[in-house]
Amino acid sequence: MSVDYWLFRVPFKRDDPKAELTPFGSQEEVVNRLCSQPGFTLHRKKRIENDEPWAVIVYITANEEGEESDVEFSVQGDPVTCISIHRAFREDFLPIITVLSELAPFEIVDINGEAISPDELF
């Protein structure tokens, strides 16, 4: 079943809501890095109510029959502290994890707050 997931860099203290998140880098750096890879494209940039900048990046893949599918990633904040996907599968983070691999370790958190190690996806 597809749901919402968030990708964070570890270490971060999930049990301490005031703890600082470890950033992925500036939004410009993260967007440029992802969009320089095949399949990734910048869809749009926007600001949300609390004036936090977001960028939406689309990753497009094709299956054996040539049918395309896409996943939208929300790159949140500047510096980027979280990358999210909505109505998707946790495995959909694999392209992001591959491109940003030297920033590991990562943790995926589902809508219920359950933490998932990306190592479980391989």
PDB file of N, CA and C in Angstrom:
ATOM      1  N   MET A   1       0.836  -1.171   0.000  1.00  0.00           N
ATOM      2  CA  MET A   1       0.000   0.000   0.000  1.00  0.00           C
ATOM      3  C   MET A   1       0.888   1.244   0.000  1.00  0.00           C
ATOM      4  N   SER A   2       0.516   2.231  -0.769  1.00  0.00           N
ATOM      5  CA  SER A   2       1.303   3.458  -0.817  1.00  0.00           C
ATOM      6  C   SER A   2       0.811   4.435   0.245  1.00  0.00           C
ATOM      7  N   VAL A   3       1.763   5.095   0.889  1.00  0.00           N
ATOM      8  CA  VAL A   3       1.461   6.076   1.932  1.00  0.00           C
ATOM      9  C   VAL A   3       2.480   7.199   1.854  1.00  0.00           C
ATOM     10  N   ASP A   4       2.545   8.023   2.887  1.00  0.00           N
ATOM     11  CA  ASP A   4       3.515   9.108   2.937  1.00  0.00           C
ATOM     12  C   ASP A   4       4.756   8.642   3.703  1.00  0.00           C
ATOM     13  N   TYR A   5       5.932   9.062   3.217  1.00  0.00           N
ATOM     14  CA  TYR A   5       7.195   8.736   3.879  1.00  0.00           C
ATOM     15  C   TYR A   5       8.096   9.961   3.865  1.00  0.00           C
ATOM     16  N   TRP A   6       8.998  10.017   4.857  1.00  0.00           N
ATOM     17  CA  TRP A   6       9.967  11.092   4.960  1.00  0.00           C
ATOM     18  C   TRP A   6      11.351  10.492   5.097  1.00  0.00           C
ATOM     19  N   LEU A   7      12.323  11.088   4.423  1.00  0.00           N
ATOM     20  CA  LEU A   7      13.708  10.645   4.489  1.00  0.00           C
ATOM     21  C   LEU A   7      14.507  11.689   5.257  1.00  0.00           C
ATOM     22  N   PHE A   8      15.250  11.225   6.269  1.00  0.00           N
ATOM     23  CA  PHE A   8      16.091  12.093   7.082  1.00  0.00           C
ATOM     24  C   PHE A   8      17.510  11.553   7.077  1.00  0.00           C
ATOM     25  N   ARG A   9      18.440  12.437   7.349  1.00  0.00           N
ATOM     26  CA  ARG A   9      19.807  11.997   7.614  1.00  0.00           C
ATOM     27  C   ARG A   9      19.902  11.621   9.079  1.00  0.00           C
ATOM     28  N   VAL A  10      20.695  10.628   9.359  1.00  0.00           N
ATOM     29  CA  VAL A  10      20.916  10.170  10.734  1.00  0.00           C
ATOM     30  C   VAL A  10      22.338  10.565  11.084  1.00  0.00           C
ATOM     31  N   PRO A  11      22.692  10.979  12.251  1.00  0.00           N
ATOM     32  CA  PRO A  11      21.856  10.861  13.440  1.00  0.00           C
ATOM     33  C   PRO A  11      20.950  12.068  13.630  1.00  0.00           C
ATOM     34  N   PHE A  12      19.785  11.767  14.082  1.00  0.00           N
ATOM     35  CA  PHE A  12      18.891  12.785  14.615  1.00  0.00           C
ATOM     36  C   PHE A  12      18.093  12.121  15.721  1.00  0.00           C
ATOM     37  N   LYS A  13      17.659  12.912  16.657  1.00  0.00           N
ATOM     38  CA  LYS A  13      16.991  12.358  17.827  1.00  0.00           C
ATOM     39  C   LYS A  13      15.484  12.461  17.632  1.00  0.00           C
ATOM     40  N   ARG A  14      14.876  11.368  17.160  1.00  0.00           N
ATOM     41  CA  ARG A  14      13.437  11.374  16.904  1.00  0.00           C
ATOM     42  C   ARG A  14      12.635  11.527  18.190  1.00  0.00           C
ATOM     43  N   ASP A  15      13.198  11.082  19.306  1.00  0.00           N
ATOM     44  CA  ASP A  15      12.461  11.166  20.561  1.00  0.00           C
ATOM     45  C   ASP A  15      12.567  12.556  21.207  1.00  0.00           C
ATOM     46  N   ASP A  16      13.350  13.444  20.624  1.00  0.00           N
ATOM     47  CA  ASP A  16      13.478  14.811  21.119  1.00  0.00           C
ATOM     48  C   ASP A  16      12.981  15.769  20.038  1.00  0.00           C
ATOM     49  N   PRO A  17      11.742  16.268  20.157  1.00  0.00           N
ATOM     50  CA  PRO A  17      11.173  17.105  19.097  1.00  0.00           C
ATOM     51  C   PRO A  17      11.928  18.414  18.874  1.00  0.00           C
ATOM     52  N   LYS A  18      12.786  18.820  19.815  1.00  0.00           N
ATOM     53  CA  LYS A  18      13.532  20.068  19.652  1.00  0.00           C
ATOM     54  C   LYS A  18      14.932  19.834  19.100  1.00  0.00           C
ATOM     55  N   ALA A  19      15.274  18.590  18.842  1.00  0.00           N
ATOM     56  CA  ALA A  19      16.612  18.273  18.343  1.00  0.00           C
ATOM     57  C   ALA A  19      16.789  18.805  16.922  1.00  0.00           C
ATOM     58  N   GLU A  20      17.985  19.207  16.621  1.00  0.00           N
ATOM     59  CA  GLU A  20      18.311  19.707  15.287  1.00  0.00           C
ATOM     60  C   GLU A  20      18.436  18.541  14.306  1.00  0.00           C
ATOM     61  N   LEU A  21      17.876  18.703  13.120  1.00  0.00           N
ATOM     62  CA  LEU A  21      18.024  17.701  12.073  1.00  0.00           C
ATOM     63  C   LEU A  21      19.337  17.936  11.342  1.00  0.00           C
ATOM     64  N   THR A  22      19.945  16.884  10.874  1.00  0.00           N
ATOM     65  CA  THR A  22      21.171  16.986  10.099  1.00  0.00           C
ATOM     66  C   THR A  22      20.790  17.286   8.654  1.00  0.00           C
ATOM     67  N   PRO A  23      21.203  18.431   8.107  1.00  0.00           N
ATOM     68  CA  PRO A  23      20.778  18.788   6.745  1.00  0.00           C
ATOM     69  C   PRO A  23      21.497  17.984   5.663  1.00  0.00           C
ATOM     70  N   PHE A  24      20.823  17.881   4.512  1.00  0.00           N
ATOM     71  CA  PHE A  24      21.392  17.261   3.320  1.00  0.00           C
ATOM     72  C   PHE A  24      22.317  18.240   2.594  1.00  0.00           C
ATOM     73  N   GLY A  25      22.147  19.528   2.836  1.00  0.00           N
ATOM     74  CA  GLY A  25      22.881  20.593   2.162  1.00  0.00           C
ATOM     75  C   GLY A  25      21.908  21.690   1.794  1.00  0.00           C
ATOM     76  N   SER A  26      22.374  22.702   1.094  1.00  0.00           N
ATOM     77  CA  SER A  26      21.471  23.778   0.682  1.00  0.00           C
ATOM     78  C   SER A  26      20.481  23.232  -0.343  1.00  0.00           C
ATOM     79  N   GLN A  27      19.331  23.876  -0.431  1.00  0.00           N
ATOM     80  CA  GLN A  27      18.332  23.425  -1.390  1.00  0.00           C
ATOM     81  C   GLN A  27      18.875  23.471  -2.818  1.00  0.00           C
ATOM     82  N   GLU A  28      19.604  24.517  -3.137  1.00  0.00           N
ATOM     83  CA  GLU A  28      20.175  24.641  -4.475  1.00  0.00           C
ATOM     84  C   GLU A  28      21.132  23.482  -4.769  1.00  0.00           C
ATOM     85  N   GLU A  29      21.986  23.148  -3.808  1.00  0.00           N
ATOM     86  CA  GLU A  29      22.929  22.033  -3.996  1.00  0.00           C
ATOM     87  C   GLU A  29      22.198  20.707  -4.203  1.00  0.00           C
ATOM     88  N   VAL A  30      21.201  20.440  -3.367  1.00  0.00           N
ATOM     89  CA  VAL A  30      20.473  19.170  -3.445  1.00  0.00           C
ATOM     90  C   VAL A  30      19.696  19.081  -4.756  1.00  0.00           C
ATOM     91  N   VAL A  31      18.986  20.152  -5.114  1.00  0.00           N
ATOM     92  CA  VAL A  31      18.204  20.159  -6.363  1.00  0.00           C
ATOM     93  C   VAL A  31      19.130  19.988  -7.564  1.00  0.00           C
ATOM     94  N   ASN A  32      20.231  20.741  -7.607  1.00  0.00           N
ATOM     95  CA  ASN A  32      21.163  20.632  -8.734  1.00  0.00           C
ATOM     96  C   ASN A  32      21.765  19.238  -8.825  1.00  0.00           C
ATOM     97  N   ARG A  33      22.099  18.680  -7.688  1.00  0.00           N
ATOM     98  CA  ARG A  33      22.706  17.351  -7.669  1.00  0.00           C
ATOM     99  C   ARG A  33      21.747  16.282  -8.172  1.00  0.00           C
ATOM    100  N   LEU A  34      20.517  16.319  -7.688  1.00  0.00           N
ATOM    101  CA  LEU A  34      19.528  15.335  -8.136  1.00  0.00           C
ATOM    102  C   LEU A  34      19.194  15.521  -9.608  1.00  0.00           C
ATOM    103  N   CYS A  35      18.968  16.774 -10.012  1.00  0.00           N
ATOM    104  CA  CYS A  35      18.555  17.031 -11.395  1.00  0.00           C
ATOM    105  C   CYS A  35      19.671  16.812 -12.406  1.00  0.00           C
ATOM    106  N   SER A  36      20.900  16.626 -11.941  1.00  0.00           N
ATOM    107  CA  SER A  36      21.997  16.323 -12.860  1.00  0.00           C
ATOM    108  C   SER A  36      22.029  14.833 -13.197  1.00  0.00           C
ATOM    109  N   GLN A  37      21.180  14.041 -12.540  1.00  0.00           N
ATOM    110  CA  GLN A  37      21.140  12.599 -12.766  1.00  0.00           C
ATOM    111  C   GLN A  37      19.983  12.235 -13.698  1.00  0.00           C
ATOM    112  N   PRO A  38      20.151  11.199 -14.511  1.00  0.00           N
ATOM    113  CA  PRO A  38      19.074  10.777 -15.420  1.00  0.00           C
ATOM    114  C   PRO A  38      17.790  10.431 -14.665  1.00  0.00           C
ATOM    115  N   GLY A  39      16.676  10.885 -15.191  1.00  0.00           N
ATOM    116  CA  GLY A  39      15.373  10.585 -14.619  1.00  0.00           C
ATOM    117  C   GLY A  39      14.823  11.660 -13.711  1.00  0.00           C
ATOM    118  N   PHE A  40      15.689  12.512 -13.151  1.00  0.00           N
ATOM    119  CA  PHE A  40      15.244  13.565 -12.226  1.00  0.00           C
ATOM    120  C   PHE A  40      15.039  14.874 -12.978  1.00  0.00           C
ATOM    121  N   THR A  41      13.970  15.591 -12.629  1.00  0.00           N
ATOM    122  CA  THR A  41      13.735  16.914 -13.196  1.00  0.00           C
ATOM    123  C   THR A  41      13.026  17.788 -12.163  1.00  0.00           C
ATOM    124  N   LEU A  42      13.368  19.069 -12.140  1.00  0.00           N
ATOM    125  CA  LEU A  42      12.721  20.011 -11.236  1.00  0.00           C
ATOM    126  C   LEU A  42      11.327  20.302 -11.769  1.00  0.00           C
ATOM    127  N   HIS A  43      10.331  20.102 -10.927  1.00  0.00           N
ATOM    128  CA  HIS A  43       8.945  20.351 -11.334  1.00  0.00           C
ATOM    129  C   HIS A  43       8.534  21.778 -10.988  1.00  0.00           C
ATOM    130  N   ARG A  44       8.787  22.170  -9.738  1.00  0.00           N
ATOM    131  CA  ARG A  44       8.457  23.548  -9.342  1.00  0.00           C
ATOM    132  C   ARG A  44       9.083  23.851  -7.984  1.00  0.00           C
ATOM    133  N   LYS A  45       9.162  25.131  -7.705  1.00  0.00           N
ATOM    134  CA  LYS A  45       9.577  25.596  -6.378  1.00  0.00           C
ATOM    135  C   LYS A  45       8.413  26.380  -5.809  1.00  0.00           C
ATOM    136  N   LYS A  46       8.262  26.316  -4.495  1.00  0.00           N
ATOM    137  CA  LYS A  46       7.161  27.043  -3.863  1.00  0.00           C
ATOM    138  C   LYS A  46       7.521  27.358  -2.427  1.00  0.00           C
ATOM    139  N   ARG A  47       6.714  28.185  -1.827  1.00  0.00           N
ATOM    140  CA  ARG A  47       6.837  28.482  -0.407  1.00  0.00           C
ATOM    141  C   ARG A  47       5.534  28.035   0.241  1.00  0.00           C
ATOM    142  N   ILE A  48       5.659  27.459   1.430  1.00  0.00           N
ATOM    143  CA  ILE A  48       4.456  27.052   2.143  1.00  0.00           C
ATOM    144  C   ILE A  48       4.117  28.102   3.196  1.00  0.00           C
ATOM    145  N   GLU A  49       3.062  27.884   3.931  1.00  0.00           N
ATOM    146  CA  GLU A  49       2.537  28.894   4.849  1.00  0.00           C
ATOM    147  C   GLU A  49       3.567  29.452   5.827  1.00  0.00           C
ATOM    148  N   ASN A  50       4.457  28.604   6.323  1.00  0.00           N
ATOM    149  CA  ASN A  50       5.442  29.104   7.284  1.00  0.00           C
ATOM    150  C   ASN A  50       6.671  29.682   6.591  1.00  0.00           C
ATOM    151  N   ASP A  51       6.550  29.944   5.301  1.00  0.00           N
ATOM    152  CA  ASP A  51       7.589  30.586   4.500  1.00  0.00           C
ATOM    153  C   ASP A  51       8.834  29.711   4.323  1.00  0.00           C
ATOM    154  N   GLU A  52       8.674  28.419   4.491  1.00  0.00           N
ATOM    155  CA  GLU A  52       9.780  27.489   4.261  1.00  0.00           C
ATOM    156  C   GLU A  52       9.831  27.143   2.774  1.00  0.00           C
ATOM    157  N   PRO A  53      10.976  27.283   2.133  1.00  0.00           N
ATOM    158  CA  PRO A  53      11.035  26.980   0.701  1.00  0.00           C
ATOM    159  C   PRO A  53      11.003  25.475   0.436  1.00  0.00           C
ATOM    160  N   TRP A  54      10.238  25.079  -0.557  1.00  0.00           N
ATOM    161  CA  TRP A  54      10.149  23.690  -1.004  1.00  0.00           C
ATOM    162  C   TRP A  54      10.466  23.643  -2.488  1.00  0.00           C
ATOM    163  N   ALA A  55      10.994  22.539  -2.913  1.00  0.00           N
ATOM    164  CA  ALA A  55      11.145  22.263  -4.340  1.00  0.00           C
ATOM    165  C   ALA A  55      10.553  20.881  -4.584  1.00  0.00           C
ATOM    166  N   VAL A  56       9.860  20.734  -5.684  1.00  0.00           N
ATOM    167  CA  VAL A  56       9.293  19.438  -6.047  1.00  0.00           C
ATOM    168  C   VAL A  56      10.077  18.897  -7.225  1.00  0.00           C
ATOM    169  N   ILE A  57      10.649  17.724  -7.029  1.00  0.00           N
ATOM    170  CA  ILE A  57      11.444  17.073  -8.060  1.00  0.00           C
ATOM    171  C   ILE A  57      10.726  15.805  -8.478  1.00  0.00           C
ATOM    172  N   VAL A  58      10.651  15.576  -9.767  1.00  0.00           N
ATOM    173  CA  VAL A  58       9.993  14.385 -10.289  1.00  0.00           C
ATOM    174  C   VAL A  58      11.059  13.423 -10.785  1.00  0.00           C
ATOM    175  N   TYR A  59      10.887  12.148 -10.453  1.00  0.00           N
ATOM    176  CA  TYR A  59      11.766  11.084 -10.947  1.00  0.00           C
ATOM    177  C   TYR A  59      10.918  10.192 -11.851  1.00  0.00           C
ATOM    178  N   ILE A  60      11.327  10.050 -13.103  1.00  0.00           N
ATOM    179  CA  ILE A  60      10.571   9.282 -14.094  1.00  0.00           C
ATOM    180  C   ILE A  60      11.337   8.014 -14.436  1.00  0.00           C
ATOM    181  N   THR A  61      10.631   6.885 -14.398  1.00  0.00           N
ATOM    182  CA  THR A  61      11.206   5.601 -14.789  1.00  0.00           C
ATOM    183  C   THR A  61      10.314   4.955 -15.837  1.00  0.00           C
ATOM    184  N   ALA A  62      10.860   3.989 -16.547  1.00  0.00           N
ATOM    185  CA  ALA A  62      10.087   3.217 -17.528  1.00  0.00           C
ATOM    186  C   ALA A  62      10.273   1.740 -17.225  1.00  0.00           C
ATOM    187  N   ASN A  63       9.193   0.965 -17.363  1.00  0.00           N
ATOM    188  CA  ASN A  63       9.294  -0.469 -17.139  1.00  0.00           C
ATOM    189  C   ASN A  63       9.684  -1.178 -18.440  1.00  0.00           C
ATOM    190  N   GLU A  64       9.690  -2.504 -18.411  1.00  0.00           N
ATOM    191  CA  GLU A  64      10.111  -3.286 -19.582  1.00  0.00           C
ATOM    192  C   GLU A  64       9.229  -3.037 -20.803  1.00  0.00           C
ATOM    193  N   GLU A  65       7.963  -2.706 -20.567  1.00  0.00           N
ATOM    194  CA  GLU A  65       7.037  -2.448 -21.675  1.00  0.00           C
ATOM    195  C   GLU A  65       7.126  -1.013 -22.191  1.00  0.00           C
ATOM    196  N   GLY A  66       7.990  -0.210 -21.585  1.00  0.00           N
ATOM    197  CA  GLY A  66       8.161   1.176 -22.010  1.00  0.00           C
ATOM    198  C   GLY A  66       7.170   2.137 -21.376  1.00  0.00           C
ATOM    199  N   GLU A  67       6.349   1.645 -20.454  1.00  0.00           N
ATOM    200  CA  GLU A  67       5.399   2.515 -19.771  1.00  0.00           C
ATOM    201  C   GLU A  67       6.131   3.324 -18.711  1.00  0.00           C
ATOM    202  N   GLU A  68       5.884   4.632 -18.703  1.00  0.00           N
ATOM    203  CA  GLU A  68       6.546   5.501 -17.740  1.00  0.00           C
ATOM    204  C   GLU A  68       5.718   5.666 -16.478  1.00  0.00           C
ATOM    205  N   SER A  69       6.417   5.823 -15.380  1.00  0.00           N
ATOM    206  CA  SER A  69       5.775   6.187 -14.118  1.00  0.00           C
ATOM    207  C   SER A  69       6.660   7.234 -13.456  1.00  0.00           C
ATOM    208  N   ASP A  70       6.072   8.010 -12.571  1.00  0.00           N
ATOM    209  CA  ASP A  70       6.870   9.032 -11.913  1.00  0.00           C
ATOM    210  C   ASP A  70       6.547   9.098 -10.433  1.00  0.00           C
ATOM    211  N   VAL A  71       7.504   9.622  -9.693  1.00  0.00           N
ATOM    212  CA  VAL A  71       7.370   9.843  -8.258  1.00  0.00           C
ATOM    213  C   VAL A  71       7.766  11.291  -7.999  1.00  0.00           C
ATOM    214  N   GLU A  72       6.952  11.989  -7.206  1.00  0.00           N
ATOM    215  CA  GLU A  72       7.269  13.360  -6.824  1.00  0.00           C
ATOM    216  C   GLU A  72       7.915  13.376  -5.448  1.00  0.00           C
ATOM    217  N   PHE A  73       9.063  14.011  -5.372  1.00  0.00           N
ATOM    218  CA  PHE A  73       9.782  14.189  -4.112  1.00  0.00           C
ATOM    219  C   PHE A  73       9.679  15.653  -3.710  1.00  0.00           C
ATOM    220  N   SER A  74       9.346  15.911  -2.466  1.00  0.00           N
ATOM    221  CA  SER A  74       9.347  17.277  -1.937  1.00  0.00           C
ATOM    222  C   SER A  74      10.642  17.471  -1.168  1.00  0.00           C
ATOM    223  N   VAL A  75      11.437  18.430  -1.610  1.00  0.00           N
ATOM    224  CA  VAL A  75      12.705  18.760  -0.975  1.00  0.00           C
ATOM    225  C   VAL A  75      12.413  19.963  -0.087  1.00  0.00           C
ATOM    226  N   GLN A  76      12.494  19.772   1.234  1.00  0.00           N
ATOM    227  CA  GLN A  76      11.964  20.744   2.172  1.00  0.00           C
ATOM    228  C   GLN A  76      13.044  21.506   2.914  1.00  0.00           C
ATOM    229  N   GLY A  77      12.887  22.830   2.906  1.00  0.00           N
ATOM    230  CA  GLY A  77      13.754  23.708   3.677  1.00  0.00           C
ATOM    231  C   GLY A  77      15.001  24.136   2.940  1.00  0.00           C
ATOM    232  N   ASP A  78      15.694  25.090   3.512  1.00  0.00           N
ATOM    233  CA  ASP A  78      16.983  25.537   3.006  1.00  0.00           C
ATOM    234  C   ASP A  78      17.810  25.986   4.212  1.00  0.00           C
ATOM    235  N   PRO A  79      18.689  25.132   4.707  1.00  0.00           N
ATOM    236  CA  PRO A  79      19.153  23.880   4.123  1.00  0.00           C
ATOM    237  C   PRO A  79      18.068  22.792   4.204  1.00  0.00           C
ATOM    238  N   VAL A  80      18.201  21.810   3.331  1.00  0.00           N
ATOM    239  CA  VAL A  80      17.230  20.720   3.235  1.00  0.00           C
ATOM    240  C   VAL A  80      17.402  19.795   4.436  1.00  0.00           C
ATOM    241  N   THR A  81      16.320  19.635   5.203  1.00  0.00           N
ATOM    242  CA  THR A  81      16.360  18.751   6.366  1.00  0.00           C
ATOM    243  C   THR A  81      15.539  17.491   6.159  1.00  0.00           C
ATOM    244  N   CYS A  82      14.699  17.489   5.128  1.00  0.00           N
ATOM    245  CA  CYS A  82      13.797  16.368   4.912  1.00  0.00           C
ATOM    246  C   CYS A  82      13.442  16.276   3.431  1.00  0.00           C
ATOM    247  N   ILE A  83      13.320  15.060   2.938  1.00  0.00           N
ATOM    248  CA  ILE A  83      12.831  14.801   1.584  1.00  0.00           C
ATOM    249  C   ILE A  83      11.643  13.866   1.757  1.00  0.00           C
ATOM    250  N   SER A  84      10.495  14.217   1.186  1.00  0.00           N
ATOM    251  CA  SER A  84       9.302  13.408   1.395  1.00  0.00           C
ATOM    252  C   SER A  84       8.694  12.948   0.082  1.00  0.00           C
ATOM    253  N   ILE A  85       7.924  11.868   0.203  1.00  0.00           N
ATOM    254  CA  ILE A  85       7.118  11.373  -0.906  1.00  0.00           C
ATOM    255  C   ILE A  85       5.721  11.106  -0.364  1.00  0.00           C
ATOM    256  N   HIS A  86       4.730  11.294  -1.193  1.00  0.00           N
ATOM    257  CA  HIS A  86       3.349  11.115  -0.773  1.00  0.00           C
ATOM    258  C   HIS A  86       2.664  10.142  -1.722  1.00  0.00           C
ATOM    259  N   ARG A  87       1.845   9.287  -1.136  1.00  0.00           N
ATOM    260  CA  ARG A  87       1.135   8.260  -1.895  1.00  0.00           C
ATOM    261  C   ARG A  87       2.108   7.466  -2.759  1.00  0.00           C
ATOM    262  N   ALA A  88       3.143   6.973  -2.108  1.00  0.00           N
ATOM    263  CA  ALA A  88       4.190   6.216  -2.803  1.00  0.00           C
ATOM    264  C   ALA A  88       4.628   5.060  -1.912  1.00  0.00           C
ATOM    265  N   PHE A  89       5.679   4.394  -2.317  1.00  0.00           N
ATOM    266  CA  PHE A  89       6.229   3.279  -1.566  1.00  0.00           C
ATOM    267  C   PHE A  89       7.608   3.659  -1.047  1.00  0.00           C
ATOM    268  N   ARG A  90       7.989   3.116   0.102  1.00  0.00           N
ATOM    269  CA  ARG A  90       9.295   3.473   0.671  1.00  0.00           C
ATOM    270  C   ARG A  90      10.432   3.133  -0.282  1.00  0.00           C
ATOM    271  N   GLU A  91      10.251   2.114  -1.121  1.00  0.00           N
ATOM    272  CA  GLU A  91      11.267   1.742  -2.104  1.00  0.00           C
ATOM    273  C   GLU A  91      11.513   2.841  -3.124  1.00  0.00           C
ATOM    274  N   ASP A  92      10.554   3.764  -3.255  1.00  0.00           N
ATOM    275  CA  ASP A  92      10.708   4.867  -4.200  1.00  0.00           C
ATOM    276  C   ASP A  92      11.834   5.817  -3.808  1.00  0.00           C
ATOM    277  N   PHE A  93      12.341   5.711  -2.562  1.00  0.00           N
ATOM    278  CA  PHE A  93      13.479   6.522  -2.142  1.00  0.00           C
ATOM    279  C   PHE A  93      14.811   6.003  -2.700  1.00  0.00           C
ATOM    280  N   LEU A  94      14.859   4.812  -3.256  1.00  0.00           N
ATOM    281  CA  LEU A  94      16.137   4.240  -3.704  1.00  0.00           C
ATOM    282  C   LEU A  94      16.919   5.149  -4.650  1.00  0.00           C
ATOM    283  N   PRO A  95      16.296   5.794  -5.655  1.00  0.00           N
ATOM    284  CA  PRO A  95      17.084   6.696  -6.512  1.00  0.00           C
ATOM    285  C   PRO A  95      17.717   7.851  -5.737  1.00  0.00           C
ATOM    286  N   ILE A  96      16.991   8.420  -4.783  1.00  0.00           N
ATOM    287  CA  ILE A  96      17.521   9.521  -3.968  1.00  0.00           C
ATOM    288  C   ILE A  96      18.678   9.017  -3.112  1.00  0.00           C
ATOM    289  N   ILE A  97      18.465   7.875  -2.464  1.00  0.00           N
ATOM    290  CA  ILE A  97      19.495   7.299  -1.596  1.00  0.00           C
ATOM    291  C   ILE A  97      20.757   6.985  -2.394  1.00  0.00           C
ATOM    292  N   THR A  98      20.594   6.526  -3.612  1.00  0.00           N
ATOM    293  CA  THR A  98      21.745   6.221  -4.463  1.00  0.00           C
ATOM    294  C   THR A  98      22.524   7.484  -4.815  1.00  0.00           C
ATOM    295  N   VAL A  99      21.828   8.545  -5.215  1.00  0.00           N
ATOM    296  CA  VAL A  99      22.491   9.794  -5.608  1.00  0.00           C
ATOM    297  C   VAL A  99      23.174  10.463  -4.411  1.00  0.00           C
ATOM    298  N   LEU A 100      22.540  10.406  -3.259  1.00  0.00           N
ATOM    299  CA  LEU A 100      23.065  11.094  -2.074  1.00  0.00           C
ATOM    300  C   LEU A 100      23.782  10.136  -1.118  1.00  0.00           C
ATOM    301  N   SER A 101      24.281   9.032  -1.619  1.00  0.00           N
ATOM    302  CA  SER A 101      24.812   7.942  -0.789  1.00  0.00           C
ATOM    303  C   SER A 101      25.901   8.371   0.193  1.00  0.00           C
ATOM    304  N   GLU A 102      26.746   9.337  -0.174  1.00  0.00           N
ATOM    305  CA  GLU A 102      27.826   9.713   0.745  1.00  0.00           C
ATOM    306  C   GLU A 102      27.315  10.519   1.939  1.00  0.00           C
ATOM    307  N   LEU A 103      26.044  10.898   1.942  1.00  0.00           N
ATOM    308  CA  LEU A 103      25.455  11.594   3.077  1.00  0.00           C
ATOM    309  C   LEU A 103      24.839  10.632   4.092  1.00  0.00           C
ATOM    310  N   ALA A 104      24.873   9.342   3.791  1.00  0.00           N
ATOM    311  CA  ALA A 104      24.296   8.314   4.666  1.00  0.00           C
ATOM    312  C   ALA A 104      24.998   8.338   6.009  1.00  0.00           C
ATOM    313  N   PRO A 105      24.395   7.819   7.030  1.00  0.00           N
ATOM    314  CA  PRO A 105      23.203   6.968   7.032  1.00  0.00           C
ATOM    315  C   PRO A 105      21.909   7.779   6.978  1.00  0.00           C
ATOM    316  N   PHE A 106      20.861   7.105   6.481  1.00  0.00           N
ATOM    317  CA  PHE A 106      19.535   7.691   6.350  1.00  0.00           C
ATOM    318  C   PHE A 106      18.548   6.896   7.182  1.00  0.00           C
ATOM    319  N   GLU A 107      17.402   7.517   7.403  1.00  0.00           N
ATOM    320  CA  GLU A 107      16.293   6.818   8.033  1.00  0.00           C
ATOM    321  C   GLU A 107      15.018   7.265   7.334  1.00  0.00           C
ATOM    322  N   ILE A 108      14.162   6.312   7.040  1.00  0.00           N
ATOM    323  CA  ILE A 108      12.861   6.597   6.451  1.00  0.00           C
ATOM    324  C   ILE A 108      11.840   6.494   7.579  1.00  0.00           C
ATOM    325  N   VAL A 109      10.948   7.463   7.648  1.00  0.00           N
ATOM    326  CA  VAL A 109       9.912   7.471   8.672  1.00  0.00           C
ATOM    327  C   VAL A 109       8.558   7.456   7.962  1.00  0.00           C
ATOM    328  N   ASP A 110       7.679   6.546   8.408  1.00  0.00           N
ATOM    329  CA  ASP A 110       6.361   6.481   7.784  1.00  0.00           C
ATOM    330  C   ASP A 110       5.376   7.395   8.506  1.00  0.00           C
ATOM    331  N   ILE A 111       4.170   7.415   8.027  1.00  0.00           N
ATOM    332  CA  ILE A 111       3.148   8.332   8.540  1.00  0.00           C
ATOM    333  C   ILE A 111       2.822   8.076  10.012  1.00  0.00           C
ATOM    334  N   ASN A 112       3.096   6.872  10.501  1.00  0.00           N
ATOM    335  CA  ASN A 112       2.849   6.525  11.903  1.00  0.00           C
ATOM    336  C   ASN A 112       4.055   6.800  12.789  1.00  0.00           C
ATOM    337  N   GLY A 113       5.132   7.349  12.224  1.00  0.00           N
ATOM    338  CA  GLY A 113       6.333   7.632  12.991  1.00  0.00           C
ATOM    339  C   GLY A 113       7.267   6.442  13.129  1.00  0.00           C
ATOM    340  N   GLU A 114       6.944   5.348  12.429  1.00  0.00           N
ATOM    341  CA  GLU A 114       7.797   4.159  12.474  1.00  0.00           C
ATOM    342  C   GLU A 114       9.041   4.391  11.608  1.00  0.00           C
ATOM    343  N   ALA A 115      10.198   4.101  12.165  1.00  0.00           N
ATOM    344  CA  ALA A 115      11.458   4.271  11.449  1.00  0.00           C
ATOM    345  C   ALA A 115      11.793   3.003  10.675  1.00  0.00           C
ATOM    346  N   ILE A 116      12.301   3.195   9.461  1.00  0.00           N
ATOM    347  CA  ILE A 116      12.684   2.088   8.583  1.00  0.00           C
ATOM    348  C   ILE A 116      14.096   2.366   8.098  1.00  0.00           C
ATOM    349  N   SER A 117      14.968   1.410   8.224  1.00  0.00           N
ATOM    350  CA  SER A 117      16.310   1.563   7.701  1.00  0.00           C
ATOM    351  C   SER A 117      16.294   1.340   6.184  1.00  0.00           C
ATOM    352  N   PRO A 118      16.920   2.214   5.422  1.00  0.00           N
ATOM    353  CA  PRO A 118      16.992   2.002   3.979  1.00  0.00           C
ATOM    354  C   PRO A 118      17.666   0.681   3.599  1.00  0.00           C
ATOM    355  N   ASP A 119      18.501   0.141   4.498  1.00  0.00           N
ATOM    356  CA  ASP A 119      19.146  -1.146   4.219  1.00  0.00           C
ATOM    357  C   ASP A 119      18.113  -2.244   4.002  1.00  0.00           C
ATOM    358  N   GLU A 120      16.929  -2.098   4.592  1.00  0.00           N
ATOM    359  CA  GLU A 120      15.861  -3.082   4.424  1.00  0.00           C
ATOM    360  C   GLU A 120      15.305  -3.083   3.004  1.00  0.00           C
ATOM    361  N   LEU A 121      15.571  -2.039   2.248  1.00  0.00           N
ATOM    362  CA  LEU A 121      14.994  -1.917   0.893  1.00  0.00           C
ATOM    363  C   LEU A 121      15.807  -2.693  -0.141  1.00  0.00           C
ATOM    364  N   PHE A 122      17.062  -3.017   0.164  1.00  0.00           N
ATOM    365  CA  PHE A 122      17.925  -3.649  -0.827  1.00  0.00           C
ATOM    366  C   PHE A 122      17.784  -5.158  -0.795  1.00  0.00           C
TER     367      PHE A 122
END
